[in-house]
Every structure is written in C-alpha cells, then in structure tokens.
PDB file of N, CA and C in Angstrom:
ATOM      1  N   UNK A   1      94.205  95.217 110.818  1.00  0.00           N
ATOM      2  CA  UNK A   1      95.027  95.146 109.614  1.00  0.00           C
ATOM      3  C   UNK A   1      94.251  95.796 108.464  1.00  0.00           C
ATOM      4  N   UNK A   2      94.909  96.661 107.718  1.00  0.00           N
ATOM      5  CA  UNK A   2      94.249  97.314 106.585  1.00  0.00           C
ATOM      6  C   UNK A   2      94.220  96.374 105.389  1.00  0.00           C
ATOM      7  N   UNK A   3      93.290  96.636 104.483  1.00  0.00           N
ATOM      8  CA  UNK A   3      93.185  95.814 103.274  1.00  0.00           C
ATOM      9  C   UNK A   3      94.469  95.905 102.454  1.00  0.00           C
ATOM     10  N   UNK A   4      95.027  97.111 102.332  1.00  0.00           N
ATOM     11  CA  UNK A   4      96.266  97.274 101.567  1.00  0.00           C
ATOM     12  C   UNK A   4      97.402  96.556 102.279  1.00  0.00           C
ATOM     13  N   UNK A   5      97.487  96.691 103.576  1.00  0.00           N
ATOM     14  CA  UNK A   5      98.515  96.008 104.341  1.00  0.00           C
ATOM     15  C   UNK A   5      98.433  94.499 104.184  1.00  0.00           C
ATOM     16  N   UNK A   6      97.209  93.959 104.205  1.00  0.00           N
ATOM     17  CA  UNK A   6      97.023  92.516 104.018  1.00  0.00           C
ATOM     18  C   UNK A   6      97.496  92.087 102.636  1.00  0.00           C
ATOM     19  N   UNK A   7      97.169  92.891 101.631  1.00  0.00           N
ATOM     20  CA  UNK A   7      97.583  92.562 100.270  1.00  0.00           C
ATOM     21  C   UNK A   7      99.105  92.607 100.122  1.00  0.00           C
ATOM     22  N   UNK A   8      99.728  93.597 100.752  1.00  0.00           N
ATOM     23  CA  UNK A   8     101.186  93.707 100.679  1.00  0.00           C
ATOM     24  C   UNK A   8     101.846  92.514 101.374  1.00  0.00           C
ATOM     25  N   UNK A   9     101.302  92.107 102.512  1.00  0.00           N
ATOM     26  CA  UNK A   9     101.837  90.939 103.216  1.00  0.00           C
ATOM     27  C   UNK A   9     101.677  89.684 102.356  1.00  0.00           C
ATOM     28  N   UNK A  10     100.524  89.552 101.716  1.00  0.00           N
ATOM     29  CA  UNK A  10     100.288  88.392 100.852  1.00  0.00           C
ATOM     30  C   UNK A  10     101.250  88.388  99.668  1.00  0.00           C
ATOM     31  N   UNK A  11     101.496  89.558  99.087  1.00  0.00           N
ATOM     32  CA  UNK A  11     102.415  89.643  97.958  1.00  0.00           C
ATOM     33  C   UNK A  11     103.834  89.283  98.394  1.00  0.00           C
ATOM     34  N   UNK A  12     104.258  89.792  99.541  1.00  0.00           N
ATOM     35  CA  UNK A  12     105.594  89.480 100.054  1.00  0.00           C
ATOM     36  C   UNK A  12     105.743  87.975 100.248  1.00  0.00           C
ATOM     37  N   UNK A  13     104.724  87.354 100.811  1.00  0.00           N
ATOM     38  CA  UNK A  13     104.770  85.904 101.044  1.00  0.00           C
ATOM     39  C   UNK A  13     104.730  85.139  99.729  1.00  0.00           C
ATOM     40  N   UNK A  14     103.969  85.657  98.759  1.00  0.00           N
ATOM     41  CA  UNK A  14     103.916  85.025  97.437  1.00  0.00           C
ATOM     42  C   UNK A  14     105.302  84.996  96.799  1.00  0.00           C
ATOM     43  N   UNK A  15     106.069  86.058  97.012  1.00  0.00           N
ATOM     44  CA  UNK A  15     107.431  86.135  96.486  1.00  0.00           C
ATOM     45  C   UNK A  15     108.424  85.357  97.349  1.00  0.00           C
ATOM     46  N   UNK A  16     107.943  84.832  98.467  1.00  0.00           N
ATOM     47  CA  UNK A  16     108.768  84.073  99.415  1.00  0.00           C
ATOM     48  C   UNK A  16     109.863  84.947 100.028  1.00  0.00           C
ATOM     49  N   UNK A  17     109.486  86.202 100.351  1.00  0.00           N
ATOM     50  CA  UNK A  17     110.397  87.131 101.005  1.00  0.00           C
ATOM     51  C   UNK A  17     110.060  87.208 102.484  1.00  0.00           C
ATOM     52  N   UNK A  18     111.084  87.285 103.302  1.00  0.00           N
ATOM     53  CA  UNK A  18     110.881  87.641 104.705  1.00  0.00           C
ATOM     54  C   UNK A  18     110.660  89.151 104.756  1.00  0.00           C
ATOM     55  N   UNK A  19     110.254  89.634 105.910  1.00  0.00           N
ATOM     56  CA  UNK A  19     110.128  91.089 106.052  1.00  0.00           C
ATOM     57  C   UNK A  19     111.485  91.752 105.872  1.00  0.00           C
ATOM     58  N   UNK A  20     112.545  91.111 106.330  1.00  0.00           N
ATOM     59  CA  UNK A  20     113.892  91.666 106.155  1.00  0.00           C
ATOM     60  C   UNK A  20     114.252  91.739 104.680  1.00  0.00           C
ATOM     61  N   UNK A  21     113.970  90.687 103.920  1.00  0.00           N
ATOM     62  CA  UNK A  21     114.281  90.679 102.489  1.00  0.00           C
ATOM     63  C   UNK A  21     113.493  91.772 101.761  1.00  0.00           C
ATOM     64  N   UNK A  22     112.215  91.906 102.082  1.00  0.00           N
ATOM     65  CA  UNK A  22     111.395  92.946 101.459  1.00  0.00           C
ATOM     66  C   UNK A  22     111.946  94.324 101.812  1.00  0.00           C
ATOM     67  N   UNK A  23     112.296  94.504 103.072  1.00  0.00           N
ATOM     68  CA  UNK A  23     112.834  95.798 103.521  1.00  0.00           C
ATOM     69  C   UNK A  23     114.113  96.141 102.763  1.00  0.00           C
ATOM     70  N   UNK A  24     114.976  95.151 102.571  1.00  0.00           N
ATOM     71  CA  UNK A  24     116.231  95.387 101.842  1.00  0.00           C
ATOM     72  C   UNK A  24     115.948  95.791 100.398  1.00  0.00           C
ATOM     73  N   UNK A  25     114.994  95.136  99.766  1.00  0.00           N
ATOM     74  CA  UNK A  25     114.661  95.455  98.369  1.00  0.00           C
ATOM     75  C   UNK A  25     114.014  96.840  98.249  1.00  0.00           C
ATOM     76  N   UNK A  26     113.236  97.225  99.253  1.00  0.00           N
ATOM     77  CA  UNK A  26     112.516  98.501  99.213  1.00  0.00           C
ATOM     78  C   UNK A  26     113.419  99.647  99.672  1.00  0.00           C
ATOM     79  N   UNK A  27     114.350  99.354 100.585  1.00  0.00           N
ATOM     80  CA  UNK A  27     115.219 100.389 101.126  1.00  0.00           C
ATOM     81  C   UNK A  27     114.667 101.005 102.397  1.00  0.00           C
ATOM     82  N   UNK A  28     114.034 100.168 103.212  1.00  0.00           N
ATOM     83  CA  UNK A  28     113.442 100.605 104.479  1.00  0.00           C
ATOM     84  C   UNK A  28     113.811  99.595 105.556  1.00  0.00           C
ATOM     85  N   UNK A  29     113.233  99.751 106.742  1.00  0.00           N
ATOM     86  CA  UNK A  29     113.504  98.811 107.831  1.00  0.00           C
ATOM     87  C   UNK A  29     112.415  97.739 107.886  1.00  0.00           C
ATOM     88  N   UNK A  30     112.744  96.565 108.438  1.00  0.00           N
ATOM     89  CA  UNK A  30     111.719  95.537 108.614  1.00  0.00           C
ATOM     90  C   UNK A  30     110.579  95.999 109.526  1.00  0.00           C
ATOM     91  N   UNK A  31     110.891  96.886 110.463  1.00  0.00           N
ATOM     92  CA  UNK A  31     109.861  97.423 111.349  1.00  0.00           C
ATOM     93  C   UNK A  31     108.814  98.194 110.549  1.00  0.00           C
ATOM     94  N   UNK A  32     109.268  98.929 109.537  1.00  0.00           N
ATOM     95  CA  UNK A  32     108.345  99.679 108.688  1.00  0.00           C
ATOM     96  C   UNK A  32     107.485  98.726 107.872  1.00  0.00           C
ATOM     97  N   UNK A  33     108.092  97.668 107.341  1.00  0.00           N
ATOM     98  CA  UNK A  33     107.317  96.668 106.590  1.00  0.00           C
ATOM     99  C   UNK A  33     106.218  96.115 107.488  1.00  0.00           C
ATOM    100  N   UNK A  34     106.578  95.742 108.700  1.00  0.00           N
ATOM    101  CA  UNK A  34     105.621  95.177 109.648  1.00  0.00           C
ATOM    102  C   UNK A  34     104.484  96.161 109.946  1.00  0.00           C
ATOM    103  N   UNK A  35     104.834  97.423 110.195  1.00  0.00           N
ATOM    104  CA  UNK A  35     103.824  98.426 110.535  1.00  0.00           C
ATOM    105  C   UNK A  35     102.851  98.658 109.373  1.00  0.00           C
ATOM    106  N   UNK A  36     103.369  98.681 108.147  1.00  0.00           N
ATOM    107  CA  UNK A  36     102.506  98.873 106.980  1.00  0.00           C
ATOM    108  C   UNK A  36     101.605  97.656 106.793  1.00  0.00           C
ATOM    109  N   UNK A  37     102.175  96.477 106.893  1.00  0.00           N
ATOM    110  CA  UNK A  37     101.390  95.253 106.715  1.00  0.00           C
ATOM    111  C   UNK A  37     100.285  95.128 107.757  1.00  0.00           C
ATOM    112  N   UNK A  38     100.546  95.593 108.965  1.00  0.00           N
ATOM    113  CA  UNK A  38      99.533  95.520 110.029  1.00  0.00           C
ATOM    114  C   UNK A  38      98.545  96.682 109.985  1.00  0.00           C
ATOM    115  N   UNK A  39      98.761  97.614 109.040  1.00  0.00           N
ATOM    116  CA  UNK A  39      97.837  98.742 108.897  1.00  0.00           C
ATOM    117  C   UNK A  39      98.079  99.870 109.867  1.00  0.00           C
ATOM    118  N   UNK A  40      99.215  99.859 110.554  1.00  0.00           N
ATOM    119  CA  UNK A  40      99.529 100.920 111.503  1.00  0.00           C
ATOM    120  C   UNK A  40     100.006 102.173 110.787  1.00  0.00           C
ATOM    121  N   UNK A  41     100.646 102.004 109.625  1.00  0.00           N
ATOM    122  CA  UNK A  41     101.145 103.120 108.828  1.00  0.00           C
ATOM    123  C   UNK A  41     100.671 102.957 107.397  1.00  0.00           C
ATOM    124  N   UNK A  42     100.415 104.092 106.745  1.00  0.00           N
ATOM    125  CA  UNK A  42     100.140 104.095 105.309  1.00  0.00           C
ATOM    126  C   UNK A  42     101.422 104.524 104.611  1.00  0.00           C
ATOM    127  N   UNK A  43     101.712 103.903 103.486  1.00  0.00           N
ATOM    128  CA  UNK A  43     102.939 104.230 102.753  1.00  0.00           C
ATOM    129  C   UNK A  43     102.822 105.650 102.207  1.00  0.00           C
ATOM    130  N   UNK A  44     103.839 106.467 102.467  1.00  0.00           N
ATOM    131  CA  UNK A  44     103.863 107.827 101.930  1.00  0.00           C
ATOM    132  C   UNK A  44     103.891 107.765 100.408  1.00  0.00           C
ATOM    133  N   UNK A  45     103.236 108.727  99.761  1.00  0.00           N
ATOM    134  CA  UNK A  45     103.208 108.769  98.290  1.00  0.00           C
ATOM    135  C   UNK A  45     104.616 108.716  97.701  1.00  0.00           C
ATOM    136  N   UNK A  46     105.547 109.415  98.321  1.00  0.00           N
ATOM    137  CA  UNK A  46     106.906 109.483  97.784  1.00  0.00           C
ATOM    138  C   UNK A  46     107.652 108.149  97.885  1.00  0.00           C
ATOM    139  N   UNK A  47     107.146 107.210  98.667  1.00  0.00           N
ATOM    140  CA  UNK A  47     107.801 105.909  98.866  1.00  0.00           C
ATOM    141  C   UNK A  47     107.095 104.765  98.135  1.00  0.00           C
ATOM    142  N   UNK A  48     105.944 105.028  97.550  1.00  0.00           N
ATOM    143  CA  UNK A  48     105.158 103.945  96.951  1.00  0.00           C
ATOM    144  C   UNK A  48     105.862 103.294  95.770  1.00  0.00           C
ATOM    145  N   UNK A  49     106.558 104.066  94.960  1.00  0.00           N
ATOM    146  CA  UNK A  49     107.279 103.481  93.818  1.00  0.00           C
ATOM    147  C   UNK A  49     108.367 102.528  94.310  1.00  0.00           C
ATOM    148  N   UNK A  50     109.004 102.852  95.425  1.00  0.00           N
ATOM    149  CA  UNK A  50     110.025 101.964  95.988  1.00  0.00           C
ATOM    150  C   UNK A  50     109.403 100.623  96.388  1.00  0.00           C
ATOM    151  N   UNK A  51     108.233 100.678  97.001  1.00  0.00           N
ATOM    152  CA  UNK A  51     107.526  99.457  97.387  1.00  0.00           C
ATOM    153  C   UNK A  51     107.130  98.665  96.137  1.00  0.00           C
ATOM    154  N   UNK A  52     106.642  99.368  95.134  1.00  0.00           N
ATOM    155  CA  UNK A  52     106.209  98.684  93.902  1.00  0.00           C
ATOM    156  C   UNK A  52     107.382  97.991  93.216  1.00  0.00           C
ATOM    157  N   UNK A  53     108.510  98.660  93.151  1.00  0.00           N
ATOM    158  CA  UNK A  53     109.709  98.037  92.561  1.00  0.00           C
ATOM    159  C   UNK A  53     110.159  96.852  93.405  1.00  0.00           C
ATOM    160  N   UNK A  54     110.199  97.032  94.711  1.00  0.00           N
ATOM    161  CA  UNK A  54     110.685  95.993  95.610  1.00  0.00           C
ATOM    162  C   UNK A  54     109.827  94.741  95.635  1.00  0.00           C
ATOM    163  N   UNK A  55     108.534  94.910  95.400  1.00  0.00           N
ATOM    164  CA  UNK A  55     107.619  93.767  95.436  1.00  0.00           C
ATOM    165  C   UNK A  55     107.099  93.394  94.046  1.00  0.00           C
ATOM    166  N   UNK A  56     107.762  93.892  93.015  1.00  0.00           N
ATOM    167  CA  UNK A  56     107.394  93.580  91.622  1.00  0.00           C
ATOM    168  C   UNK A  56     105.902  93.806  91.368  1.00  0.00           C
ATOM    169  N   UNK A  57     105.471  95.031  91.663  1.00  0.00           N
ATOM    170  CA  UNK A  57     104.085  95.428  91.416  1.00  0.00           C
ATOM    171  C   UNK A  57     104.037  96.445  90.280  1.00  0.00           C
ATOM    172  N   UNK A  58     102.902  96.544  89.635  1.00  0.00           N
ATOM    173  CA  UNK A  58     102.715  97.531  88.575  1.00  0.00           C
ATOM    174  C   UNK A  58     102.750  98.932  89.183  1.00  0.00           C
ATOM    175  N   UNK A  59     103.394  99.844  88.509  1.00  0.00           N
ATOM    176  CA  UNK A  59     103.491 101.231  88.985  1.00  0.00           C
ATOM    177  C   UNK A  59     102.092 101.818  89.185  1.00  0.00           C
ATOM    178  N   UNK A  60     101.902 102.470  90.308  1.00  0.00           N
ATOM    179  CA  UNK A  60     100.635 103.124  90.617  1.00  0.00           C
ATOM    180  C   UNK A  60      99.619 102.245  91.319  1.00  0.00           C
ATOM    181  N   UNK A  61      99.900 100.957  91.433  1.00  0.00           N
ATOM    182  CA  UNK A  61      98.910 100.047  92.008  1.00  0.00           C
ATOM    183  C   UNK A  61      98.669 100.301  93.498  1.00  0.00           C
ATOM    184  N   UNK A  62      99.678 100.728  94.232  1.00  0.00           N
ATOM    185  CA  UNK A  62      99.488 100.983  95.658  1.00  0.00           C
ATOM    186  C   UNK A  62      98.590 102.200  95.868  1.00  0.00           C
ATOM    187  N   UNK A  63      98.811 103.248  95.099  1.00  0.00           N
ATOM    188  CA  UNK A  63      97.951 104.430  95.211  1.00  0.00           C
ATOM    189  C   UNK A  63      96.511 104.070  94.878  1.00  0.00           C
ATOM    190  N   UNK A  64      96.299 103.312  93.797  1.00  0.00           N
ATOM    191  CA  UNK A  64      94.933 102.896  93.438  1.00  0.00           C
ATOM    192  C   UNK A  64      94.309 102.073  94.562  1.00  0.00           C
ATOM    193  N   UNK A  65      95.103 101.218  95.180  1.00  0.00           N
ATOM    194  CA  UNK A  65      94.582 100.391  96.275  1.00  0.00           C
ATOM    195  C   UNK A  65      94.138 101.258  97.450  1.00  0.00           C
ATOM    196  N   UNK A  66      94.955 102.238  97.816  1.00  0.00           N
ATOM    197  CA  UNK A  66      94.579 103.127  98.917  1.00  0.00           C
ATOM    198  C   UNK A  66      93.364 103.978  98.554  1.00  0.00           C
ATOM    199  N   UNK A  67      93.318 104.499  97.342  1.00  0.00           N
ATOM    200  CA  UNK A  67      92.260 105.444  96.964  1.00  0.00           C
ATOM    201  C   UNK A  67      90.932 104.781  96.618  1.00  0.00           C
ATOM    202  N   UNK A  68      90.980 103.610  95.987  1.00  0.00           N
ATOM    203  CA  UNK A  68      89.735 103.005  95.499  1.00  0.00           C
ATOM    204  C   UNK A  68      89.457 101.622  96.066  1.00  0.00           C
ATOM    205  N   UNK A  69      90.416 101.070  96.786  1.00  0.00           N
ATOM    206  CA  UNK A  69      90.241  99.713  97.283  1.00  0.00           C
ATOM    207  C   UNK A  69      90.541  98.654  96.239  1.00  0.00           C
ATOM    208  N   UNK A  70      91.071  99.066  95.091  1.00  0.00           N
ATOM    209  CA  UNK A  70      91.407  98.122  94.027  1.00  0.00           C
ATOM    210  C   UNK A  70      92.483  97.157  94.520  1.00  0.00           C
ATOM    211  N   UNK A  71      92.468  95.924  94.021  1.00  0.00           N
ATOM    212  CA  UNK A  71      93.520  94.982  94.430  1.00  0.00           C
ATOM    213  C   UNK A  71      94.868  95.366  93.846  1.00  0.00           C
ATOM    214  N   UNK A  72      95.914  95.014  94.557  1.00  0.00           N
ATOM    215  CA  UNK A  72      97.266  95.239  94.040  1.00  0.00           C
ATOM    216  C   UNK A  72      97.460  94.386  92.792  1.00  0.00           C
ATOM    217  N   UNK A  73      98.228  94.921  91.848  1.00  0.00           N
ATOM    218  CA  UNK A  73      98.490  94.194  90.615  1.00  0.00           C
ATOM    219  C   UNK A  73      99.976  93.884  90.512  1.00  0.00           C
ATOM    220  N   UNK A  74     100.273  92.612  90.379  1.00  0.00           N
ATOM    221  CA  UNK A  74     101.656  92.173  90.212  1.00  0.00           C
ATOM    222  C   UNK A  74     102.114  92.485  88.795  1.00  0.00           C
ATOM    223  N   UNK A  75     103.373  92.817  88.664  1.00  0.00           N
ATOM    224  CA  UNK A  75     103.957  93.022  87.338  1.00  0.00           C
ATOM    225  C   UNK A  75     103.972  91.686  86.621  1.00  0.00           C
ATOM    226  N   UNK A  76     103.823  91.749  85.315  1.00  0.00           N
ATOM    227  CA  UNK A  76     103.865  90.529  84.511  1.00  0.00           C
ATOM    228  C   UNK A  76     105.255  89.912  84.589  1.00  0.00           C
ATOM    229  N   UNK A  77     105.334  88.592  84.601  1.00  0.00           N
ATOM    230  CA  UNK A  77     106.673  87.989  84.564  1.00  0.00           C
ATOM    231  C   UNK A  77     107.356  88.330  83.252  1.00  0.00           C
ATOM    232  N   UNK A  78     108.654  88.405  83.311  1.00  0.00           N
ATOM    233  CA  UNK A  78     109.409  88.743  82.108  1.00  0.00           C
ATOM    234  C   UNK A  78     109.337  87.601  81.111  1.00  0.00           C
ATOM    235  N   UNK A  79     109.171  87.937  79.822  1.00  0.00           N
ATOM    236  CA  UNK A  79     109.191  86.869  78.816  1.00  0.00           C
ATOM    237  C   UNK A  79     110.563  86.223  78.759  1.00  0.00           C
ATOM    238  N   UNK A  80     110.606  84.996  78.259  1.00  0.00           N
ATOM    239  CA  UNK A  80     111.864  84.257  78.215  1.00  0.00           C
ATOM    240  C   UNK A  80     112.916  84.952  77.370  1.00  0.00           C
ATOM    241  N   UNK A  81     112.502  85.692  76.336  1.00  0.00           N
ATOM    242  CA  UNK A  81     113.467  86.353  75.464  1.00  0.00           C
ATOM    243  C   UNK A  81     113.861  87.743  75.967  1.00  0.00           C
ATOM    244  N   UNK A  82     113.366  88.127  77.142  1.00  0.00           N
ATOM    245  CA  UNK A  82     113.715  89.429  77.714  1.00  0.00           C
ATOM    246  C   UNK A  82     115.157  89.388  78.202  1.00  0.00           C
ATOM    247  N   UNK A  83     115.827  90.546  78.188  1.00  0.00           N
ATOM    248  CA  UNK A  83     117.187  90.562  78.729  1.00  0.00           C
ATOM    249  C   UNK A  83     117.162  90.218  80.216  1.00  0.00           C
ATOM    250  N   UNK A  84     118.286  89.742  80.713  1.00  0.00           N
ATOM    251  CA  UNK A  84     118.367  89.408  82.132  1.00  0.00           C
ATOM    252  C   UNK A  84     118.338  90.697  82.935  1.00  0.00           C
ATOM    253  N   UNK A  85     117.297  90.866  83.721  1.00  0.00           N
ATOM    254  CA  UNK A  85     117.102  92.100  84.476  1.00  0.00           C
ATOM    255  C   UNK A  85     116.963  91.759  85.953  1.00  0.00           C
ATOM    256  N   UNK A  86     118.000  92.056  86.710  1.00  0.00           N
ATOM    257  CA  UNK A  86     117.936  91.829  88.146  1.00  0.00           C
ATOM    258  C   UNK A  86     117.650  93.124  88.894  1.00  0.00           C
ATOM    259  N   UNK A  87     117.912  94.254  88.263  1.00  0.00           N
ATOM    260  CA  UNK A  87     117.681  95.554  88.880  1.00  0.00           C
ATOM    261  C   UNK A  87     116.182  95.867  88.851  1.00  0.00           C
ATOM    262  N   UNK A  88     115.576  96.218  89.994  1.00  0.00           N
ATOM    263  CA  UNK A  88     114.142  96.499  90.012  1.00  0.00           C
ATOM    264  C   UNK A  88     113.734  97.643  89.070  1.00  0.00           C
ATOM    265  N   UNK A  89     114.583  98.667  88.930  1.00  0.00           N
ATOM    266  CA  UNK A  89     114.259  99.772  88.021  1.00  0.00           C
ATOM    267  C   UNK A  89     114.205  99.283  86.575  1.00  0.00           C
ATOM    268  N   UNK A  90     115.139  98.420  86.202  1.00  0.00           N
ATOM    269  CA  UNK A  90     115.154  97.884  84.843  1.00  0.00           C
ATOM    270  C   UNK A  90     113.937  97.000  84.600  1.00  0.00           C
ATOM    271  N   UNK A  91     113.561  96.217  85.599  1.00  0.00           N
ATOM    272  CA  UNK A  91     112.373  95.367  85.458  1.00  0.00           C
ATOM    273  C   UNK A  91     111.131  96.225  85.268  1.00  0.00           C
ATOM    274  N   UNK A  92     111.050  97.318  86.005  1.00  0.00           N
ATOM    275  CA  UNK A  92     109.906  98.224  85.884  1.00  0.00           C
ATOM    276  C   UNK A  92     109.857  98.837  84.488  1.00  0.00           C
ATOM    277  N   UNK A  93     110.991  99.233  83.970  1.00  0.00           N
ATOM    278  CA  UNK A  93     111.052  99.787  82.614  1.00  0.00           C
ATOM    279  C   UNK A  93     110.597  98.736  81.607  1.00  0.00           C
ATOM    280  N   UNK A  94     111.041  97.496  81.788  1.00  0.00           N
ATOM    281  CA  UNK A  94     110.681  96.432  80.846  1.00  0.00           C
ATOM    282  C   UNK A  94     109.164  96.201  80.825  1.00  0.00           C
ATOM    283  N   UNK A  95     108.484  96.494  81.933  1.00  0.00           N
ATOM    284  CA  UNK A  95     107.040  96.292  82.019  1.00  0.00           C
ATOM    285  C   UNK A  95     106.242  97.420  81.353  1.00  0.00           C
ATOM    286  N   UNK A  96     106.894  98.506  80.989  1.00  0.00           N
ATOM    287  CA  UNK A  96     106.184  99.649  80.396  1.00  0.00           C
ATOM    288  C   UNK A  96     105.533  99.252  79.078  1.00  0.00           C
ATOM    289  N   UNK A  97     104.393  99.836  78.824  1.00  0.00           N
ATOM    290  CA  UNK A  97     103.649  99.548  77.605  1.00  0.00           C
ATOM    291  C   UNK A  97     104.114 100.472  76.477  1.00  0.00           C
ATOM    292  N   UNK A  98     105.361 100.263  76.070  1.00  0.00           N
ATOM    293  CA  UNK A  98     105.950 101.014  74.965  1.00  0.00           C
ATOM    294  C   UNK A  98     106.703 100.018  74.091  1.00  0.00           C
ATOM    295  N   UNK A  99     107.046 100.388  72.867  1.00  0.00           N
ATOM    296  CA  UNK A  99     107.753  99.442  72.007  1.00  0.00           C
ATOM    297  C   UNK A  99     109.030  98.921  72.670  1.00  0.00           C
ATOM    298  N   UNK A 100     109.339  97.650  72.371  1.00  0.00           N
ATOM    299  CA  UNK A 100     110.493  97.001  72.987  1.00  0.00           C
ATOM    300  C   UNK A 100     111.788  97.764  72.747  1.00  0.00           C
ATOM    301  N   UNK A 101     111.962  98.300  71.558  1.00  0.00           N
ATOM    302  CA  UNK A 101     113.211  99.015  71.272  1.00  0.00           C
ATOM    303  C   UNK A 101     113.368 100.225  72.190  1.00  0.00           C
ATOM    304  N   UNK A 102     112.250 100.871  72.544  1.00  0.00           N
ATOM    305  CA  UNK A 102     112.314 102.012  73.469  1.00  0.00           C
ATOM    306  C   UNK A 102     112.671 101.538  74.877  1.00  0.00           C
ATOM    307  N   UNK A 103     112.102 100.413  75.280  1.00  0.00           N
ATOM    308  CA  UNK A 103     112.436  99.863  76.599  1.00  0.00           C
ATOM    309  C   UNK A 103     113.919  99.544  76.675  1.00  0.00           C
ATOM    310  N   UNK A 104     114.441  98.905  75.630  1.00  0.00           N
ATOM    311  CA  UNK A 104     115.871  98.565  75.616  1.00  0.00           C
ATOM    312  C   UNK A 104     116.735  99.828  75.653  1.00  0.00           C
ATOM    313  N   UNK A 105     116.323 100.858  74.901  1.00  0.00           N
ATOM    314  CA  UNK A 105     117.078 102.117  74.897  1.00  0.00           C
ATOM    315  C   UNK A 105     117.082 102.764  76.282  1.00  0.00           C
ATOM    316  N   UNK A 106     115.934 102.785  76.939  1.00  0.00           N
ATOM    317  CA  UNK A 106     115.836 103.404  78.262  1.00  0.00           C
ATOM    318  C   UNK A 106     116.698 102.646  79.269  1.00  0.00           C
ATOM    319  N   UNK A 107     116.667 101.328  79.201  1.00  0.00           N
ATOM    320  CA  UNK A 107     117.491 100.525  80.110  1.00  0.00           C
ATOM    321  C   UNK A 107     118.967 100.802  79.869  1.00  0.00           C
ATOM    322  N   UNK A 108     119.366 100.905  78.624  1.00  0.00           N
ATOM    323  CA  UNK A 108     120.777 101.199  78.321  1.00  0.00           C
ATOM    324  C   UNK A 108     121.161 102.585  78.838  1.00  0.00           C
ATOM    325  N   UNK A 109     120.283 103.557  78.697  1.00  0.00           N
ATOM    326  CA  UNK A 109     120.549 104.900  79.226  1.00  0.00           C
ATOM    327  C   UNK A 109     120.710 104.836  80.741  1.00  0.00           C
ATOM    328  N   UNK A 110     119.822 104.099  81.408  1.00  0.00           N
ATOM    329  CA  UNK A 110     119.902 103.946  82.861  1.00  0.00           C
ATOM    330  C   UNK A 110     121.232 103.316  83.263  1.00  0.00           C
ATOM    331  N   UNK A 111     121.610 102.257  82.559  1.00  0.00           N
ATOM    332  CA  UNK A 111     122.870 101.578  82.877  1.00  0.00           C
ATOM    333  C   UNK A 111     124.067 102.492  82.662  1.00  0.00           C
ATOM    334  N   UNK A 112     124.053 103.240  81.558  1.00  0.00           N
ATOM    335  CA  UNK A 112     125.206 104.121  81.272  1.00  0.00           C
ATOM    336  C   UNK A 112     125.276 105.247  82.300  1.00  0.00           C
ATOM    337  N   UNK A 113     124.133 105.709  82.792  1.00  0.00           N
ATOM    338  CA  UNK A 113     124.141 106.767  83.815  1.00  0.00           C
ATOM    339  C   UNK A 113     124.704 106.256  85.132  1.00  0.00           C
ATOM    340  N   UNK A 114     124.590 104.967  85.364  1.00  0.00           N
ATOM    341  CA  UNK A 114     125.063 104.381  86.626  1.00  0.00           C
ATOM    342  C   UNK A 114     126.520 103.947  86.570  1.00  0.00           C
ATOM    343  N   UNK A 115     127.089 103.864  85.377  1.00  0.00           N
ATOM    344  CA  UNK A 115     128.495 103.436  85.250  1.00  0.00           C
ATOM    345  C   UNK A 115     129.403 104.533  85.764  1.00  0.00           C
ATOM    346  N   UNK A 116     130.439 104.140  86.484  1.00  0.00           N
ATOM    347  CA  UNK A 116     131.408 105.155  86.932  1.00  0.00           C
ATOM    348  C   UNK A 116     132.134 105.742  85.715  1.00  0.00           C
ATOM    349  N   UNK A 117     132.401 107.012  85.808  1.00  0.00           N
ATOM    350  CA  UNK A 117     133.132 107.661  84.705  1.00  0.00           C
ATOM    351  C   UNK A 117     134.539 107.116  84.622  1.00  0.00           C
ATOM    352  N   UNK A 118     134.931 106.765  83.418  1.00  0.00           N
ATOM    353  CA  UNK A 118     136.305 106.293  83.225  1.00  0.00           C
ATOM    354  C   UNK A 118     137.122 107.454  82.671  1.00  0.00           C
ATOM    355  N   UNK A 119     137.924 108.022  83.534  1.00  0.00           N
ATOM    356  CA  UNK A 119     138.693 109.222  83.151  1.00  0.00           C
ATOM    357  C   UNK A 119     140.080 108.866  82.699  1.00  0.00           C
TER     358      UNK A 119
END
C-alpha cells in the first residue's frame, strides 16, 4: 500500500464514505478507488482535482503528497454563515483564499452557467 493510498483510504473513512460513495462523488468506479488506495495505481494528474473535490481536500494536496510525501490536507469546514454549498465545485471555490465577495460572485457565475437556458 502506498503512503498516498493509505492517506486517501483514511480520508474516505474519516468522511464515513464507502468506496462506492467515494467513487460516485469523484466520478470513477469503486474498483479504481480500491486500486489507488492499495497503491496499485497512481492518480493521473488530470483526475486529481476530481479526487480532491470528492474527498473535500485542499486543491493541489494530492500532487504535493505524491511529489514530496507531504500529508494530505483536508479542506476547512465551512463557517456557519457560509451559504449552503452541496456542490463540490462550489465548496472548493468557497475555500479559496480570496475576499468573500469574490467567492460569492464566482459561485453565482458557476450556478448561472449551469442553469438551462430559458428561451
């Protein structure tokens, strides 16, 4: 088992997710979750952000873990006055170290881009 795989398994368990639940949040198969956790596969660079969003990790933490052995870093819990954010992309935006008004603006832009056009 790789150190990164062990950390990912620990994070998944900390969130009380099954491998199936984690796979659904990440957009992969449970078999892939299992293989990564056991150290059989390394997460492709292009998929790391999906894993970070799915497991509520700070952006870039998986790459740092693979490259330097640094521990994975969980995203900070949302403050009580934060808007209700169930979408992983919105949660990631809320964690950005930028003024709150910018975070709110970016989330609104994201939401409006996802709304179906009303013709």
